Amino acid sequence: MPPLAADERHAGAPAMAPAIALHDQFGCTRRLSDYRGTLVVVYFYPQDDTPGCTLQGKEFRDLHEQFRALECAVIGVSTDSPGSHRAFAEKHGFPFTLLADEAGEMARAFGVLRNGTAERATFVIDRDGRVVRAFDDVTPRGHAKRVLNFVHALVESHRMIGG
């Protein structure tokens, strides 16, 4: 895959997914490298169970099967605790992983940590762990569909070149 144009990657985004271990909503340790061989959408959001974050999560939930059909995992990340994530995921029926970045380590690595909280931003990581797209200035409504459209185009372009 060719390198990203300057306007396609967040200024602070790493070229490769960082090797950071975080706990998910069940207390299990997860790393982005666990998803090697799969496309991954990592969406950062400020806080569990707030209106915009809930809307965004519900839209990813509603499109989850379409992401899965494209062999793409969806992961939500905020600085909330695993317990907060578990309650949030259970309340809204989120079928995907939520990572607890309580120290802001992953948000900092992606350049989206501001005043101890993750900014709303989304990154697409390819099967080799490269960050291939960043979505900044995210508006929750309709965002998941825009990300799905990008992932679909990525998968189709990969198929067209024989990947």
Protein backbone atom coordinates (compact mmCIF):
# COMPACT_ATOMS: atom_id res chain seq x y z
CA MET A 1 0.00 0.00 0.00
CA PRO A 2 1.43 3.43 -0.87
CA PRO A 3 2.18 5.90 1.95
CA LEU A 4 -0.60 8.23 2.99
CA ALA A 5 -0.88 11.71 1.62
CA ALA A 6 -0.37 14.40 4.25
CA ASP A 7 -4.10 15.13 4.44
CA GLU A 8 -5.02 11.46 5.00
CA ARG A 9 -3.15 10.91 8.26
CA HIS A 10 -3.55 12.72 11.57
CA ALA A 11 -0.43 14.82 12.19
CA GLY A 12 0.41 12.80 15.30
CA ALA A 13 -0.59 9.36 13.99
CA PRO A 14 2.09 6.68 13.92
CA ALA A 15 2.96 4.93 10.65
CA MET A 16 2.47 1.56 12.39
CA ALA A 17 0.00 0.54 15.08
CA PRO A 18 1.73 0.96 18.45
CA ALA A 19 2.57 -2.07 20.61
CA ILE A 20 0.61 -0.99 23.68
CA ALA A 21 -1.21 -3.40 25.98
CA LEU A 22 -4.57 -2.24 27.35
CA HIS A 23 -7.44 -3.95 29.14
CA ASP A 24 -10.77 -4.42 27.40
CA GLN A 25 -14.22 -4.22 28.97
CA PHE A 26 -13.79 -7.76 30.36
CA GLY A 27 -10.37 -7.09 31.91
CA CYS A 28 -8.50 -9.06 29.22
CA THR A 29 -5.20 -7.67 27.96
CA ARG A 30 -5.32 -6.69 24.29
CA ARG A 31 -2.79 -5.31 21.84
CA LEU A 32 -3.43 -4.05 18.32
CA SER A 33 -0.87 -6.64 17.17
CA ASP A 34 -3.39 -9.32 18.29
CA TYR A 35 -5.35 -8.31 15.18
CA ARG A 36 -2.49 -8.75 12.69
CA GLY A 37 -3.86 -10.25 9.50
CA THR A 38 -7.16 -8.39 9.93
CA LEU A 39 -8.22 -4.87 9.06
CA VAL A 40 -8.90 -2.84 12.19
CA VAL A 41 -10.90 0.32 12.81
CA VAL A 42 -9.75 2.06 16.00
CA TYR A 43 -12.12 4.81 17.02
CA PHE A 44 -11.22 7.13 19.87
CA TYR A 45 -13.98 8.86 21.78
CA PRO A 46 -13.99 11.15 24.83
CA GLN A 47 -16.24 9.44 27.39
CA ASP A 48 -18.56 6.47 27.89
CA ASP A 49 -22.31 7.02 27.87
CA THR A 50 -22.34 10.64 26.73
CA PRO A 51 -24.71 11.60 23.89
CA GLY A 52 -22.19 11.87 21.03
CA CYS A 53 -20.12 8.87 22.12
CA THR A 54 -23.27 6.76 22.52
CA LEU A 55 -24.53 7.75 19.06
CA GLN A 56 -21.16 6.92 17.52
CA GLY A 57 -20.98 3.55 19.30
CA LYS A 58 -24.54 2.65 18.27
CA GLU A 59 -23.75 3.41 14.64
CA PHE A 60 -20.69 1.14 14.74
CA ARG A 61 -22.87 -1.48 16.47
CA ASP A 62 -25.54 -1.24 13.78
CA LEU A 63 -22.94 -1.70 11.02
CA HIS A 64 -20.86 -4.28 12.89
CA GLU A 65 -21.90 -7.24 10.74
CA GLN A 66 -20.93 -5.34 7.60
CA PHE A 67 -17.48 -4.64 9.06
CA ARG A 68 -17.16 -8.31 9.99
CA ALA A 69 -18.11 -9.34 6.44
CA LEU A 70 -15.10 -7.30 5.28
CA GLU A 71 -12.91 -9.08 7.88
CA CYS A 72 -12.52 -5.82 9.78
CA ALA A 73 -12.48 -5.57 13.57
CA VAL A 74 -13.90 -2.49 15.29
CA ILE A 75 -12.28 -1.26 18.51
CA GLY A 76 -13.41 1.71 20.58
CA VAL A 77 -10.88 3.46 22.85
CA SER A 78 -11.35 6.05 25.59
CA THR A 79 -9.66 6.91 28.87
CA ASP A 80 -12.51 5.36 30.88
CA SER A 81 -12.01 2.25 33.04
CA PRO A 82 -12.71 -1.36 32.00
CA GLY A 83 -15.71 -1.36 34.36
CA SER A 84 -17.14 1.78 32.78
CA HIS A 85 -16.61 0.25 29.33
CA ARG A 86 -18.34 -2.97 30.36
CA ALA A 87 -21.42 -1.11 31.62
CA PHE A 88 -21.46 1.08 28.47
CA ALA A 89 -21.13 -1.93 26.13
CA GLU A 90 -23.78 -3.94 27.97
CA LYS A 91 -26.24 -1.03 28.15
CA HIS A 92 -26.08 -0.44 24.39
CA GLY A 93 -25.36 -3.96 23.11
CA PHE A 94 -21.95 -3.19 21.63
CA PRO A 95 -20.55 -6.40 20.08
CA PHE A 96 -17.02 -5.01 19.67
CA THR A 97 -14.04 -4.46 21.95
CA LEU A 98 -13.69 -1.31 24.03
CA LEU A 99 -10.16 -0.64 25.29
CA ALA A 100 -9.52 1.23 28.53
CA ASP A 101 -6.70 3.69 27.92
CA GLU A 102 -6.77 5.05 31.46
CA ALA A 103 -3.24 6.54 31.29
CA GLY A 104 -3.85 7.91 27.78
CA GLU A 105 -0.93 5.90 26.39
CA MET A 106 -2.59 4.80 23.15
CA ALA A 107 -4.35 8.14 22.61
CA ARG A 108 -0.97 9.86 23.05
CA ALA A 109 0.68 7.45 20.56
CA PHE A 110 -1.99 8.35 17.98
CA GLY A 111 -1.71 12.06 18.72
CA VAL A 112 -5.28 12.45 20.02
CA LEU A 113 -4.80 12.94 23.79
CA ARG A 114 -5.91 16.39 24.99
CA ASN A 115 -6.11 17.30 28.67
CA GLY A 116 -6.17 13.64 29.71
CA THR A 117 -9.03 12.73 27.36
CA ALA A 118 -9.08 11.19 23.90
CA GLU A 119 -10.27 13.43 21.08
CA ARG A 120 -12.80 11.96 18.69
CA ALA A 121 -10.75 10.47 15.83
CA THR A 122 -10.70 7.19 13.91
CA PHE A 123 -7.85 5.23 12.34
CA VAL A 124 -7.90 2.34 9.90
CA ILE A 125 -5.07 -0.17 10.27
CA ASP A 126 -4.26 -2.62 7.50
CA ARG A 127 -3.51 -6.33 7.85
CA ASP A 128 0.21 -5.60 8.31
CA GLY A 129 -0.35 -3.13 11.15
CA ARG A 130 0.11 0.05 9.08
CA VAL A 131 -2.08 3.06 9.75
CA VAL A 132 -3.59 3.65 6.32
CA ARG A 133 -6.25 6.27 7.06
CA ALA A 134 -7.14 8.80 9.73
CA PHE A 135 -10.48 10.51 10.18
CA ASP A 136 -10.18 13.79 12.09
CA ASP A 137 -12.86 16.31 12.99
CA VAL A 138 -15.31 13.46 13.46
CA THR A 139 -19.01 14.20 13.75
CA PRO A 140 -20.66 11.18 15.38
CA ARG A 141 -23.77 10.98 13.16
CA GLY A 142 -22.92 9.15 9.95
CA HIS A 143 -19.27 8.62 10.84
CA ALA A 144 -19.39 4.82 11.09
CA LYS A 145 -20.89 4.64 7.59
CA ARG A 146 -18.11 6.86 6.18
CA VAL A 147 -15.53 4.57 7.78
CA LEU A 148 -17.32 1.47 6.44
CA ASN A 149 -17.31 3.00 2.93
CA PHE A 150 -13.55 3.56 3.18
CA VAL A 151 -12.92 0.00 4.42
CA HIS A 152 -15.07 -1.38 1.61
CA ALA A 153 -13.10 0.63 -0.98
CA LEU A 154 -9.83 -0.54 0.59
CA VAL A 155 -10.88 -4.19 0.42
CA GLU A 156 -12.10 -3.83 -3.17
CA SER A 157 -8.89 -2.10 -4.29
CA HIS A 158 -6.87 -4.85 -2.65
CA ARG A 159 -8.92 -7.49 -4.50
CA MET A 160 -8.47 -5.66 -7.80
CA ILE A 161 -4.69 -5.76 -7.52
CA GLY A 162 -4.78 -9.44 -6.67
CA GLY A 163 -4.31 -9.27 -2.89
